Amino acid sequence: MSKKKKVIILSCMVALLAVAAVFNYVFTTERVPQSNAQTVYAGASSYFAQYRTERLNTRNEEMLQLDSVLNAAEAGSEEYAEALNMKVNLVSNTEKEMLLESLIKAYGFEDAVVVIGLESSNVNVMAKSDNLTTDDAVAIYTIVAEETAVSPENVKIIPIS
């Protein structure tokens, strides 16, 4: 396949990705009608939906960049191995984040977003909660610790109301 065809295909894929991200944002954002006929976004629900959309867009861009490096580099080279390792870590962290979010929701929180650092061992958890108790924080930390094996000082739990 010629280089021009590859560029055209990659451009089309990026355009489709952007369209999908816009539709995802539009369909997942909750709207709360007000009495004066204005529409505003719901506070915390909008935060979680918007964050997930931004994270998805960023991860997809990172994957495309890593794929282009993998396609350009020679198999077996140091650049190829580094890009492949970064891609594996990105996929692994994405899967862990999704799992942790599901487990935290199963614990009883309405919504949660988990961010695992790619270049650090930090794990940030934003949980939808009007009143986060110590027991809730311990339960969230226990879930995170069991799935990621990070030390307590690297876990931050942030309540979002």
Protein backbone atom coordinates (compact mmCIF):
# COMPACT_ATOMS: atom_id res chain seq x y z
CA MET A 1 0.00 0.00 0.00
CA SER A 2 1.40 3.40 -0.92
CA LYS A 3 2.20 6.03 1.63
CA LYS A 4 -0.50 8.33 0.22
CA LYS A 5 -3.18 5.66 0.73
CA LYS A 6 -2.01 5.08 4.29
CA VAL A 7 -2.25 8.81 5.05
CA ILE A 8 -5.75 8.98 3.55
CA ILE A 9 -6.92 5.93 5.53
CA LEU A 10 -5.38 7.27 8.75
CA SER A 11 -7.02 10.68 8.18
CA CYS A 12 -10.40 9.04 7.64
CA MET A 13 -9.98 7.00 10.82
CA VAL A 14 -9.12 10.12 12.83
CA ALA A 15 -12.17 11.92 11.40
CA LEU A 16 -14.42 8.97 12.30
CA LEU A 17 -12.91 8.89 15.78
CA ALA A 18 -13.70 12.59 16.25
CA VAL A 19 -17.29 12.08 15.08
CA ALA A 20 -17.70 9.11 17.43
CA ALA A 21 -16.34 11.16 20.35
CA VAL A 22 -18.80 13.97 19.65
CA PHE A 23 -21.72 11.55 19.47
CA ASN A 24 -20.55 9.84 22.66
CA TYR A 25 -20.44 13.17 24.47
CA VAL A 26 -23.83 14.27 23.15
CA PHE A 27 -25.58 11.01 24.03
CA THR A 28 -23.98 10.48 27.45
CA THR A 29 -24.37 14.01 28.81
CA GLU A 30 -27.43 14.33 31.00
CA ARG A 31 -29.40 17.53 30.77
CA VAL A 32 -31.51 19.00 33.55
CA PRO A 33 -34.38 21.25 32.41
CA GLN A 34 -35.01 24.41 34.40
CA SER A 35 -38.28 26.20 34.87
CA ASN A 36 -37.27 29.12 32.63
CA ALA A 37 -36.84 26.74 29.64
CA GLN A 38 -33.05 26.90 29.68
CA THR A 39 -31.08 23.66 29.56
CA VAL A 40 -28.03 23.23 31.76
CA TYR A 41 -25.76 20.28 32.30
CA ALA A 42 -26.09 18.25 35.46
CA GLY A 43 -23.11 18.88 37.77
CA ALA A 44 -21.32 15.70 38.74
CA SER A 45 -22.95 13.50 36.08
CA SER A 46 -21.67 15.84 33.40
CA TYR A 47 -18.19 15.84 34.97
CA PHE A 48 -17.90 12.05 34.79
CA ALA A 49 -19.26 11.81 31.23
CA GLN A 50 -17.06 14.64 30.01
CA TYR A 51 -13.97 13.20 31.68
CA ARG A 52 -14.56 9.79 30.13
CA THR A 53 -14.98 11.35 26.69
CA GLU A 54 -11.78 13.35 27.05
CA ARG A 55 -9.90 10.30 28.32
CA LEU A 56 -11.18 8.21 25.41
CA ASN A 57 -10.10 10.86 22.90
CA THR A 58 -6.67 11.20 24.47
CA ARG A 59 -6.12 7.44 24.62
CA ASN A 60 -7.21 7.01 21.01
CA GLU A 61 -4.78 9.73 19.91
CA GLU A 62 -1.98 8.08 21.91
CA MET A 63 -2.79 4.71 20.32
CA LEU A 64 -2.71 6.23 16.84
CA GLN A 65 0.65 7.84 17.56
CA LEU A 66 2.06 4.59 18.91
CA ASP A 67 0.71 2.69 15.89
CA SER A 68 2.41 5.14 13.56
CA VAL A 69 5.70 4.69 15.44
CA LEU A 70 5.28 0.91 15.27
CA ASN A 71 4.59 1.09 11.52
CA ALA A 72 7.57 3.37 10.88
CA ALA A 73 10.11 1.58 13.08
CA GLU A 74 11.88 -1.61 12.18
CA ALA A 75 10.73 -4.68 14.08
CA GLY A 76 13.25 -5.53 16.75
CA SER A 77 14.64 -2.00 17.05
CA GLU A 78 14.78 -0.20 20.38
CA GLU A 79 12.22 2.37 19.17
CA TYR A 80 9.82 -0.42 18.16
CA ALA A 81 10.21 -2.23 21.50
CA GLU A 82 9.65 0.99 23.47
CA ALA A 83 6.52 1.91 21.48
CA LEU A 84 5.15 -1.62 21.84
CA ASN A 85 5.81 -1.57 25.61
CA MET A 86 4.06 1.82 25.93
CA LYS A 87 1.07 0.49 23.99
CA VAL A 88 0.83 -2.61 26.19
CA ASN A 89 1.01 -0.44 29.34
CA LEU A 90 -1.65 1.91 27.97
CA VAL A 91 -4.02 -0.96 27.22
CA SER A 92 -3.34 -2.56 30.60
CA ASN A 93 -3.99 0.67 32.50
CA THR A 94 -7.18 1.30 30.52
CA GLU A 95 -8.48 -2.16 31.40
CA LYS A 96 -7.59 -1.68 35.09
CA GLU A 97 -9.29 1.72 35.16
CA MET A 98 -12.48 0.30 33.69
CA LEU A 99 -12.43 -2.64 36.11
CA LEU A 100 -11.86 -0.39 39.12
CA GLU A 101 -14.63 1.97 38.03
CA SER A 102 -17.04 -0.97 37.75
CA LEU A 103 -16.02 -2.37 41.14
CA ILE A 104 -16.41 1.01 42.84
CA LYS A 105 -19.87 1.42 41.31
CA ALA A 106 -20.73 -2.11 42.45
CA TYR A 107 -19.75 -1.07 45.98
CA GLY A 108 -22.60 1.43 45.88
CA PHE A 109 -21.28 4.67 44.45
CA GLU A 110 -23.38 6.22 41.72
CA ASP A 111 -20.35 6.92 39.51
CA ALA A 112 -16.56 6.90 39.62
CA VAL A 113 -13.57 7.71 37.46
CA VAL A 114 -10.18 6.10 38.02
CA VAL A 115 -6.92 7.40 36.56
CA ILE A 116 -3.78 5.29 36.69
CA GLY A 117 -0.57 7.19 35.95
CA LEU A 118 1.40 5.93 32.97
CA GLU A 119 4.74 7.30 34.13
CA SER A 120 4.09 7.16 37.86
CA SER A 121 2.53 4.74 40.27
CA ASN A 122 -0.24 7.15 41.26
CA VAL A 123 -3.90 6.14 41.21
CA ASN A 124 -6.54 8.87 41.46
CA VAL A 125 -10.15 7.95 42.20
CA MET A 126 -12.95 10.47 41.78
CA ALA A 127 -16.14 9.05 43.27
CA LYS A 128 -19.56 10.65 43.13
CA SER A 129 -20.46 11.18 46.76
CA ASP A 130 -22.10 13.94 48.76
CA ASN A 131 -20.65 12.58 51.97
CA LEU A 132 -17.58 10.35 51.69
CA THR A 133 -17.04 8.54 54.98
CA THR A 134 -13.83 7.00 56.23
CA ASP A 135 -15.36 3.54 55.71
CA ASP A 136 -16.12 4.42 52.09
CA ALA A 137 -12.55 5.64 51.53
CA VAL A 138 -11.14 2.47 53.08
CA ALA A 139 -13.39 0.32 50.89
CA ILE A 140 -12.28 2.20 47.76
CA TYR A 141 -8.63 1.94 48.77
CA THR A 142 -9.01 -1.79 49.40
CA ILE A 143 -10.46 -2.30 45.92
CA VAL A 144 -7.64 -0.25 44.35
CA ALA A 145 -4.92 -1.97 46.37
CA GLU A 146 -6.15 -5.45 45.46
CA GLU A 147 -6.26 -4.70 41.73
CA THR A 148 -3.17 -2.51 41.31
CA ALA A 149 -0.79 -3.32 44.19
CA VAL A 150 0.07 0.35 44.76
CA SER A 151 1.20 1.76 48.08
CA PRO A 152 -1.26 3.82 50.18
CA GLU A 153 0.55 7.13 49.69
CA ASN A 154 0.07 6.83 45.91
CA VAL A 155 -3.74 6.53 46.07
CA LYS A 156 -5.85 9.68 46.13
CA ILE A 157 -9.60 9.45 46.67
CA ILE A 158 -11.54 12.58 45.75
CA PRO A 159 -15.28 12.94 46.40
CA ILE A 160 -17.25 14.76 43.68
CA SER A 161 -20.74 15.98 44.52
